[in-house]
Amino acid sequence: MTEISKEEGIAYTVLERFEKFRLPRALDIKERVDRGERLSDADIAFLDRVMSDAEEINRLVDMRPEFTLLYGRAVNLYQEITKKALENEQKP
């Protein structure tokens, strides 16, 4: 496998995983925290995994600038979730 096709394969896999698994679950969590719900242990584990993956994905974004906007929007979504979840936890 050439370096270019390997890079394309990685990019495709990352985007597919984001589209099919990460984004739908993140949007579901966002909807719940916006209603005032608290994060479950599974939600916290999911967000932790996503943030760990984000560091690795950032290397891909550095090589593929066309993903910069998508990456930024995804990171922003996760920040919104964690900010709202913290607000919910601090409510009596």
PDB file of N, CA and C in Angstrom:
ATOM      1  N   MET A   1       0.854  -1.167   0.000  1.00  0.00           N
ATOM      2  CA  MET A   1       0.000   0.000   0.000  1.00  0.00           C
ATOM      3  C   MET A   1       0.903   1.234   0.000  1.00  0.00           C
ATOM      4  N   THR A   2       0.666   2.134  -0.917  1.00  0.00           N
ATOM      5  CA  THR A   2       1.474   3.349  -0.969  1.00  0.00           C
ATOM      6  C   THR A   2       1.095   4.272   0.174  1.00  0.00           C
ATOM      7  N   GLU A   3       1.985   5.223   0.448  1.00  0.00           N
ATOM      8  CA  GLU A   3       1.739   6.158   1.550  1.00  0.00           C
ATOM      9  C   GLU A   3       0.474   6.968   1.315  1.00  0.00           C
ATOM     10  N   ILE A   4       0.232   7.381   0.069  1.00  0.00           N
ATOM     11  CA  ILE A   4      -0.961   8.176  -0.227  1.00  0.00           C
ATOM     12  C   ILE A   4      -2.221   7.344  -0.026  1.00  0.00           C
ATOM     13  N   SER A   5      -2.251   6.131  -0.543  1.00  0.00           N
ATOM     14  CA  SER A   5      -3.463   5.327  -0.387  1.00  0.00           C
ATOM     15  C   SER A   5      -3.668   4.909   1.073  1.00  0.00           C
ATOM     16  N   LYS A   6      -2.585   4.713   1.804  1.00  0.00           N
ATOM     17  CA  LYS A   6      -2.705   4.397   3.228  1.00  0.00           C
ATOM     18  C   LYS A   6      -3.321   5.588   3.963  1.00  0.00           C
ATOM     19  N   GLU A   7      -2.843   6.793   3.647  1.00  0.00           N
ATOM     20  CA  GLU A   7      -3.382   8.009   4.260  1.00  0.00           C
ATOM     21  C   GLU A   7      -4.855   8.181   3.909  1.00  0.00           C
ATOM     22  N   GLU A   8      -5.208   7.922   2.660  1.00  0.00           N
ATOM     23  CA  GLU A   8      -6.607   8.018   2.233  1.00  0.00           C
ATOM     24  C   GLU A   8      -7.465   7.016   2.993  1.00  0.00           C
ATOM     25  N   GLY A   9      -6.955   5.818   3.173  1.00  0.00           N
ATOM     26  CA  GLY A   9      -7.691   4.787   3.902  1.00  0.00           C
ATOM     27  C   GLY A   9      -7.931   5.169   5.352  1.00  0.00           C
ATOM     28  N   ILE A  10      -6.911   5.728   5.974  1.00  0.00           N
ATOM     29  CA  ILE A  10      -7.049   6.172   7.360  1.00  0.00           C
ATOM     30  C   ILE A  10      -8.075   7.289   7.449  1.00  0.00           C
ATOM     31  N   ALA A  11      -7.980   8.252   6.538  1.00  0.00           N
ATOM     32  CA  ALA A  11      -8.920   9.381   6.537  1.00  0.00           C
ATOM     33  C   ALA A  11     -10.350   8.889   6.351  1.00  0.00           C
ATOM     34  N   TYR A  12     -10.554   7.974   5.420  1.00  0.00           N
ATOM     35  CA  TYR A  12     -11.891   7.435   5.166  1.00  0.00           C
ATOM     36  C   TYR A  12     -12.427   6.723   6.405  1.00  0.00           C
ATOM     37  N   THR A  13     -11.595   5.913   7.029  1.00  0.00           N
ATOM     38  CA  THR A  13     -12.014   5.161   8.210  1.00  0.00           C
ATOM     39  C   THR A  13     -12.387   6.090   9.360  1.00  0.00           C
ATOM     40  N   VAL A  14     -11.570   7.106   9.580  1.00  0.00           N
ATOM     41  CA  VAL A  14     -11.836   8.062  10.658  1.00  0.00           C
ATOM     42  C   VAL A  14     -13.146   8.798  10.403  1.00  0.00           C
ATOM     43  N   LEU A  15     -13.342   9.250   9.178  1.00  0.00           N
ATOM     44  CA  LEU A  15     -14.572   9.974   8.847  1.00  0.00           C
ATOM     45  C   LEU A  15     -15.800   9.083   8.943  1.00  0.00           C
ATOM     46  N   GLU A  16     -15.666   7.854   8.491  1.00  0.00           N
ATOM     47  CA  GLU A  16     -16.788   6.917   8.561  1.00  0.00           C
ATOM     48  C   GLU A  16     -17.168   6.633  10.015  1.00  0.00           C
ATOM     49  N   ARG A  17     -16.165   6.402  10.848  1.00  0.00           N
ATOM     50  CA  ARG A  17     -16.433   6.143  12.270  1.00  0.00           C
ATOM     51  C   ARG A  17     -17.096   7.357  12.915  1.00  0.00           C
ATOM     52  N   PHE A  18     -16.611   8.546  12.574  1.00  0.00           N
ATOM     53  CA  PHE A  18     -17.192   9.766  13.126  1.00  0.00           C
ATOM     54  C   PHE A  18     -18.644   9.907  12.696  1.00  0.00           C
ATOM     55  N   GLU A  19     -18.903   9.722  11.411  1.00  0.00           N
ATOM     56  CA  GLU A  19     -20.253   9.911  10.870  1.00  0.00           C
ATOM     57  C   GLU A  19     -21.249   8.884  11.402  1.00  0.00           C
ATOM     58  N   LYS A  20     -20.834   7.622  11.474  1.00  0.00           N
ATOM     59  CA  LYS A  20     -21.772   6.554  11.831  1.00  0.00           C
ATOM     60  C   LYS A  20     -21.915   6.321  13.333  1.00  0.00           C
ATOM     61  N   PHE A  21     -20.871   6.618  14.087  1.00  0.00           N
ATOM     62  CA  PHE A  21     -20.892   6.266  15.505  1.00  0.00           C
ATOM     63  C   PHE A  21     -20.734   7.461  16.443  1.00  0.00           C
ATOM     64  N   ARG A  22     -19.687   8.221  16.230  1.00  0.00           N
ATOM     65  CA  ARG A  22     -19.366   9.295  17.177  1.00  0.00           C
ATOM     66  C   ARG A  22     -20.379  10.433  17.136  1.00  0.00           C
ATOM     67  N   LEU A  23     -20.652  10.952  15.943  1.00  0.00           N
ATOM     68  CA  LEU A  23     -21.544  12.107  15.832  1.00  0.00           C
ATOM     69  C   LEU A  23     -22.960  11.805  16.316  1.00  0.00           C
ATOM     70  N   PRO A  24     -23.599  10.713  15.894  1.00  0.00           N
ATOM     71  CA  PRO A  24     -24.960  10.446  16.390  1.00  0.00           C
ATOM     72  C   PRO A  24     -25.018  10.327  17.916  1.00  0.00           C
ATOM     73  N   ARG A  25     -24.045   9.658  18.492  1.00  0.00           N
ATOM     74  CA  ARG A  25     -24.050   9.508  19.954  1.00  0.00           C
ATOM     75  C   ARG A  25     -23.790  10.848  20.629  1.00  0.00           C
ATOM     76  N   ALA A  26     -22.876  11.629  20.080  1.00  0.00           N
ATOM     77  CA  ALA A  26     -22.588  12.946  20.661  1.00  0.00           C
ATOM     78  C   ALA A  26     -23.817  13.845  20.598  1.00  0.00           C
ATOM     79  N   LEU A  27     -24.535  13.815  19.486  1.00  0.00           N
ATOM     80  CA  LEU A  27     -25.744  14.637  19.357  1.00  0.00           C
ATOM     81  C   LEU A  27     -26.823  14.188  20.340  1.00  0.00           C
ATOM     82  N   ASP A  28     -26.915  12.889  20.567  1.00  0.00           N
ATOM     83  CA  ASP A  28     -27.861  12.363  21.554  1.00  0.00           C
ATOM     84  C   ASP A  28     -27.496  12.845  22.961  1.00  0.00           C
ATOM     85  N   ILE A  29     -26.225  12.769  23.288  1.00  0.00           N
ATOM     86  CA  ILE A  29     -25.773  13.236  24.603  1.00  0.00           C
ATOM     87  C   ILE A  29     -26.029  14.727  24.741  1.00  0.00           C
ATOM     88  N   LYS A  30     -25.739  15.494  23.697  1.00  0.00           N
ATOM     89  CA  LYS A  30     -25.957  16.950  23.721  1.00  0.00           C
ATOM     90  C   LYS A  30     -27.424  17.259  23.981  1.00  0.00           C
ATOM     91  N   GLU A  31     -28.301  16.550  23.310  1.00  0.00           N
ATOM     92  CA  GLU A  31     -29.742  16.754  23.496  1.00  0.00           C
ATOM     93  C   GLU A  31     -30.140  16.505  24.950  1.00  0.00           C
ATOM     94  N   ARG A  32     -29.592  15.442  25.535  1.00  0.00           N
ATOM     95  CA  ARG A  32     -29.933  15.104  26.917  1.00  0.00           C
ATOM     96  C   ARG A  32     -29.391  16.125  27.912  1.00  0.00           C
ATOM     97  N   VAL A  33     -28.139  16.566  27.724  1.00  0.00           N
ATOM     98  CA  VAL A  33     -27.605  17.554  28.676  1.00  0.00           C
ATOM     99  C   VAL A  33     -28.300  18.898  28.503  1.00  0.00           C
ATOM    100  N   ASP A  34     -28.730  19.207  27.278  1.00  0.00           N
ATOM    101  CA  ASP A  34     -29.481  20.448  27.063  1.00  0.00           C
ATOM    102  C   ASP A  34     -30.828  20.423  27.790  1.00  0.00           C
ATOM    103  N   ARG A  35     -31.364  19.220  28.023  1.00  0.00           N
ATOM    104  CA  ARG A  35     -32.612  19.079  28.789  1.00  0.00           C
ATOM    105  C   ARG A  35     -32.358  19.087  30.293  1.00  0.00           C
ATOM    106  N   GLY A  36     -31.094  19.166  30.681  1.00  0.00           N
ATOM    107  CA  GLY A  36     -30.767  19.216  32.101  1.00  0.00           C
ATOM    108  C   GLY A  36     -30.344  17.889  32.699  1.00  0.00           C
ATOM    109  N   GLU A  37     -30.249  16.849  31.874  1.00  0.00           N
ATOM    110  CA  GLU A  37     -29.843  15.543  32.392  1.00  0.00           C
ATOM    111  C   GLU A  37     -28.349  15.522  32.684  1.00  0.00           C
ATOM    112  N   ARG A  38     -27.973  14.599  33.537  1.00  0.00           N
ATOM    113  CA  ARG A  38     -26.561  14.407  33.872  1.00  0.00           C
ATOM    114  C   ARG A  38     -25.977  13.303  33.003  1.00  0.00           C
ATOM    115  N   LEU A  39     -24.654  13.344  32.854  1.00  0.00           N
ATOM    116  CA  LEU A  39     -23.968  12.309  32.086  1.00  0.00           C
ATOM    117  C   LEU A  39     -23.942  10.998  32.861  1.00  0.00           C
ATOM    118  N   SER A  40     -24.129   9.909  32.148  1.00  0.00           N
ATOM    119  CA  SER A  40     -23.978   8.587  32.759  1.00  0.00           C
ATOM    120  C   SER A  40     -22.493   8.213  32.733  1.00  0.00           C
ATOM    121  N   ASP A  41     -22.152   7.144  33.431  1.00  0.00           N
ATOM    122  CA  ASP A  41     -20.771   6.659  33.395  1.00  0.00           C
ATOM    123  C   ASP A  41     -20.376   6.285  31.968  1.00  0.00           C
ATOM    124  N   ALA A  42     -21.312   5.707  31.219  1.00  0.00           N
ATOM    125  CA  ALA A  42     -21.036   5.336  29.827  1.00  0.00           C
ATOM    126  C   ALA A  42     -20.798   6.578  28.967  1.00  0.00           C
ATOM    127  N   ASP A  43     -21.560   7.634  29.216  1.00  0.00           N
ATOM    128  CA  ASP A  43     -21.362   8.887  28.482  1.00  0.00           C
ATOM    129  C   ASP A  43     -19.976   9.458  28.757  1.00  0.00           C
ATOM    130  N   ILE A  44     -19.583   9.441  30.016  1.00  0.00           N
ATOM    131  CA  ILE A  44     -18.275   9.975  30.401  1.00  0.00           C
ATOM    132  C   ILE A  44     -17.162   9.159  29.757  1.00  0.00           C
ATOM    133  N   ALA A  45     -17.300   7.844  29.763  1.00  0.00           N
ATOM    134  CA  ALA A  45     -16.298   6.980  29.130  1.00  0.00           C
ATOM    135  C   ALA A  45     -16.223   7.256  27.629  1.00  0.00           C
ATOM    136  N   PHE A  46     -17.373   7.435  27.000  1.00  0.00           N
ATOM    137  CA  PHE A  46     -17.419   7.746  25.568  1.00  0.00           C
ATOM    138  C   PHE A  46     -16.691   9.055  25.284  1.00  0.00           C
ATOM    139  N   LEU A  47     -16.995  10.098  26.041  1.00  0.00           N
ATOM    140  CA  LEU A  47     -16.360  11.400  25.823  1.00  0.00           C
ATOM    141  C   LEU A  47     -14.857  11.335  26.090  1.00  0.00           C
ATOM    142  N   ASP A  48     -14.459  10.544  27.071  1.00  0.00           N
ATOM    143  CA  ASP A  48     -13.036  10.371  27.355  1.00  0.00           C
ATOM    144  C   ASP A  48     -12.328   9.706  26.176  1.00  0.00           C
ATOM    145  N   ARG A  49     -12.951   8.662  25.618  1.00  0.00           N
ATOM    146  CA  ARG A  49     -12.389   7.978  24.447  1.00  0.00           C
ATOM    147  C   ARG A  49     -12.276   8.930  23.266  1.00  0.00           C
ATOM    148  N   VAL A  50     -13.325   9.713  23.065  1.00  0.00           N
ATOM    149  CA  VAL A  50     -13.348  10.649  21.945  1.00  0.00           C
ATOM    150  C   VAL A  50     -12.227  11.678  22.079  1.00  0.00           C
ATOM    151  N   MET A  51     -12.028  12.193  23.275  1.00  0.00           N
ATOM    152  CA  MET A  51     -10.979  13.193  23.458  1.00  0.00           C
ATOM    153  C   MET A  51      -9.595  12.582  23.269  1.00  0.00           C
ATOM    154  N   SER A  52      -9.421  11.343  23.676  1.00  0.00           N
ATOM    155  CA  SER A  52      -8.148  10.660  23.428  1.00  0.00           C
ATOM    156  C   SER A  52      -7.932  10.476  21.934  1.00  0.00           C
ATOM    157  N   ASP A  53      -8.980  10.071  21.241  1.00  0.00           N
ATOM    158  CA  ASP A  53      -8.899   9.910  19.787  1.00  0.00           C
ATOM    159  C   ASP A  53      -8.619  11.238  19.097  1.00  0.00           C
ATOM    160  N   ALA A  54      -9.139  12.323  19.651  1.00  0.00           N
ATOM    161  CA  ALA A  54      -8.985  13.640  19.020  1.00  0.00           C
ATOM    162  C   ALA A  54      -7.516  14.020  18.885  1.00  0.00           C
ATOM    163  N   GLU A  55      -6.713  13.656  19.861  1.00  0.00           N
ATOM    164  CA  GLU A  55      -5.286  13.949  19.775  1.00  0.00           C
ATOM    165  C   GLU A  55      -4.667  13.233  18.582  1.00  0.00           C
ATOM    166  N   GLU A  56      -5.046  11.986  18.387  1.00  0.00           N
ATOM    167  CA  GLU A  56      -4.531  11.216  17.256  1.00  0.00           C
ATOM    168  C   GLU A  56      -5.071  11.759  15.933  1.00  0.00           C
ATOM    169  N   ILE A  57      -6.337  12.105  15.919  1.00  0.00           N
ATOM    170  CA  ILE A  57      -6.968  12.622  14.706  1.00  0.00           C
ATOM    171  C   ILE A  57      -6.368  13.969  14.324  1.00  0.00           C
ATOM    172  N   ASN A  58      -5.939  14.727  15.302  1.00  0.00           N
ATOM    173  CA  ASN A  58      -5.343  16.028  15.025  1.00  0.00           C
ATOM    174  C   ASN A  58      -4.131  15.894  14.100  1.00  0.00           C
ATOM    175  N   ARG A  59      -3.374  14.813  14.236  1.00  0.00           N
ATOM    176  CA  ARG A  59      -2.245  14.576  13.322  1.00  0.00           C
ATOM    177  C   ARG A  59      -2.739  14.423  11.892  1.00  0.00           C
ATOM    178  N   LEU A  60      -3.848  13.735  11.716  1.00  0.00           N
ATOM    179  CA  LEU A  60      -4.432  13.558  10.391  1.00  0.00           C
ATOM    180  C   LEU A  60      -4.889  14.898   9.832  1.00  0.00           C
ATOM    181  N   VAL A  61      -5.482  15.714  10.667  1.00  0.00           N
ATOM    182  CA  VAL A  61      -5.948  17.036  10.242  1.00  0.00           C
ATOM    183  C   VAL A  61      -4.763  17.888   9.797  1.00  0.00           C
ATOM    184  N   ASP A  62      -3.647  17.762  10.497  1.00  0.00           N
ATOM    185  CA  ASP A  62      -2.449  18.504  10.096  1.00  0.00           C
ATOM    186  C   ASP A  62      -2.007  18.118   8.687  1.00  0.00           C
ATOM    187  N   MET A  63      -2.182  16.843   8.334  1.00  0.00           N
ATOM    188  CA  MET A  63      -1.799  16.375   6.996  1.00  0.00           C
ATOM    189  C   MET A  63      -2.887  16.650   5.966  1.00  0.00           C
ATOM    190  N   ARG A  64      -4.130  16.779   6.415  1.00  0.00           N
ATOM    191  CA  ARG A  64      -5.268  16.950   5.508  1.00  0.00           C
ATOM    192  C   ARG A  64      -6.052  18.193   5.913  1.00  0.00           C
ATOM    193  N   PRO A  65      -5.611  19.378   5.482  1.00  0.00           N
ATOM    194  CA  PRO A  65      -6.246  20.631   5.908  1.00  0.00           C
ATOM    195  C   PRO A  65      -7.742  20.719   5.595  1.00  0.00           C
ATOM    196  N   GLU A  66      -8.225  19.939   4.630  1.00  0.00           N
ATOM    197  CA  GLU A  66      -9.652  20.004   4.294  1.00  0.00           C
ATOM    198  C   GLU A  66     -10.533  19.495   5.436  1.00  0.00           C
ATOM    199  N   PHE A  67      -9.927  18.829   6.424  1.00  0.00           N
ATOM    200  CA  PHE A  67     -10.681  18.328   7.570  1.00  0.00           C
ATOM    201  C   PHE A  67     -10.673  19.302   8.745  1.00  0.00           C
ATOM    202  N   THR A  68      -9.984  20.414   8.605  1.00  0.00           N
ATOM    203  CA  THR A  68      -9.835  21.361   9.710  1.00  0.00           C
ATOM    204  C   THR A  68     -11.180  21.864  10.226  1.00  0.00           C
ATOM    205  N   LEU A  69     -12.058  22.271   9.332  1.00  0.00           N
ATOM    206  CA  LEU A  69     -13.356  22.802   9.750  1.00  0.00           C
ATOM    207  C   LEU A  69     -14.186  21.733  10.465  1.00  0.00           C
ATOM    208  N   LEU A  70     -14.247  20.546   9.895  1.00  0.00           N
ATOM    209  CA  LEU A  70     -14.992  19.446  10.511  1.00  0.00           C
ATOM    210  C   LEU A  70     -14.428  19.118  11.893  1.00  0.00           C
ATOM    211  N   TYR A  71     -13.121  19.041  11.984  1.00  0.00           N
ATOM    212  CA  TYR A  71     -12.470  18.743  13.263  1.00  0.00           C
ATOM    213  C   TYR A  71     -12.808  19.817  14.298  1.00  0.00           C
ATOM    214  N   GLY A  72     -12.716  21.067  13.886  1.00  0.00           N
ATOM    215  CA  GLY A  72     -13.024  22.174  14.790  1.00  0.00           C
ATOM    216  C   GLY A  72     -14.457  22.141  15.276  1.00  0.00           C
ATOM    217  N   ARG A  73     -15.377  21.825  14.376  1.00  0.00           N
ATOM    218  CA  ARG A  73     -16.791  21.762  14.760  1.00  0.00           C
ATOM    219  C   ARG A  73     -17.047  20.602  15.719  1.00  0.00           C
ATOM    220  N   ALA A  74     -16.385  19.483  15.480  1.00  0.00           N
ATOM    221  CA  ALA A  74     -16.553  18.324  16.362  1.00  0.00           C
ATOM    222  C   ALA A  74     -16.014  18.629  17.758  1.00  0.00           C
ATOM    223  N   VAL A  75     -14.839  19.222  17.818  1.00  0.00           N
ATOM    224  CA  VAL A  75     -14.259  19.577  19.116  1.00  0.00           C
ATOM    225  C   VAL A  75     -15.165  20.571  19.836  1.00  0.00           C
ATOM    226  N   ASN A  76     -15.710  21.527  19.104  1.00  0.00           N
ATOM    227  CA  ASN A  76     -16.626  22.503  19.694  1.00  0.00           C
ATOM    228  C   ASN A  76     -17.872  21.817  20.266  1.00  0.00           C
ATOM    229  N   LEU A  77     -18.405  20.844  19.544  1.00  0.00           N
ATOM    230  CA  LEU A  77     -19.572  20.099  20.023  1.00  0.00           C
ATOM    231  C   LEU A  77     -19.256  19.413  21.355  1.00  0.00           C
ATOM    232  N   TYR A  78     -18.112  18.758  21.443  1.00  0.00           N
ATOM    233  CA  TYR A  78     -17.741  18.070  22.678  1.00  0.00           C
ATOM    234  C   TYR A  78     -17.508  19.065  23.815  1.00  0.00           C
ATOM    235  N   GLN A  79     -16.974  20.233  23.495  1.00  0.00           N
ATOM    236  CA  GLN A  79     -16.801  21.259  24.527  1.00  0.00           C
ATOM    237  C   GLN A  79     -18.153  21.750  25.035  1.00  0.00           C
ATOM    238  N   GLU A  80     -19.109  21.934  24.126  1.00  0.00           N
ATOM    239  CA  GLU A  80     -20.453  22.355  24.531  1.00  0.00           C
ATOM    240  C   GLU A  80     -21.091  21.312  25.444  1.00  0.00           C
ATOM    241  N   ILE A  81     -20.911  20.048  25.096  1.00  0.00           N
ATOM    242  CA  ILE A  81     -21.473  18.963  25.906  1.00  0.00           C
ATOM    243  C   ILE A  81     -20.879  18.991  27.310  1.00  0.00           C
ATOM    244  N   THR A  82     -19.563  19.068  27.395  1.00  0.00           N
ATOM    245  CA  THR A  82     -18.937  19.013  28.715  1.00  0.00           C
ATOM    246  C   THR A  82     -19.261  20.252  29.546  1.00  0.00           C
ATOM    247  N   LYS A  83     -19.349  21.402  28.905  1.00  0.00           N
ATOM    248  CA  LYS A  83     -19.701  22.628  29.635  1.00  0.00           C
ATOM    249  C   LYS A  83     -21.110  22.520  30.222  1.00  0.00           C
ATOM    250  N   LYS A  84     -22.062  22.082  29.402  1.00  0.00           N
ATOM    251  CA  LYS A  84     -23.447  21.962  29.862  1.00  0.00           C
ATOM    252  C   LYS A  84     -23.571  20.858  30.915  1.00  0.00           C
ATOM    253  N   ALA A  85     -22.845  19.765  30.716  1.00  0.00           N
ATOM    254  CA  ALA A  85     -22.883  18.670  31.691  1.00  0.00           C
ATOM    255  C   ALA A  85     -22.366  19.141  33.048  1.00  0.00           C
ATOM    256  N   LEU A  86     -21.327  19.949  33.048  1.00  0.00           N
ATOM    257  CA  LEU A  86     -20.802  20.486  34.300  1.00  0.00           C
ATOM    258  C   LEU A  86     -21.829  21.389  34.973  1.00  0.00           C
ATOM    259  N   GLU A  87     -22.497  22.222  34.192  1.00  0.00           N
ATOM    260  CA  GLU A  87     -23.561  23.071  34.744  1.00  0.00           C
ATOM    261  C   GLU A  87     -24.650  22.211  35.380  1.00  0.00           C
ATOM    262  N   ASN A  88     -25.022  21.129  34.701  1.00  0.00           N
ATOM    263  CA  ASN A  88     -26.063  20.238  35.226  1.00  0.00           C
ATOM    264  C   ASN A  88     -25.626  19.579  36.531  1.00  0.00           C
ATOM    265  N   GLU A  89     -24.362  19.210  36.624  1.00  0.00           N
ATOM    266  CA  GLU A  89     -23.850  18.573  37.839  1.00  0.00           C
ATOM    267  C   GLU A  89     -23.848  19.537  39.017  1.00  0.00           C
ATOM    268  N   GLN A  90     -23.673  20.805  38.742  1.00  0.00           N
ATOM    269  CA  GLN A  90     -23.583  21.794  39.815  1.00  0.00           C
ATOM    270  C   GLN A  90     -24.948  22.273  40.300  1.00  0.00           C
ATOM    271  N   LYS A  91     -26.000  21.893  39.588  1.00  0.00           N
ATOM    272  CA  LYS A  91     -27.349  22.259  40.026  1.00  0.00           C
ATOM    273  C   LYS A  91     -27.740  21.411  41.227  1.00  0.00           C
ATOM    274  N   PRO A  92     -28.474  22.018  42.171  1.00  0.00           N
ATOM    275  CA  PRO A  92     -28.910  21.248  43.353  1.00  0.00           C
ATOM    276  C   PRO A  92     -29.925  20.174  42.998  1.00  0.00           C
TER     277      PRO A  92
END
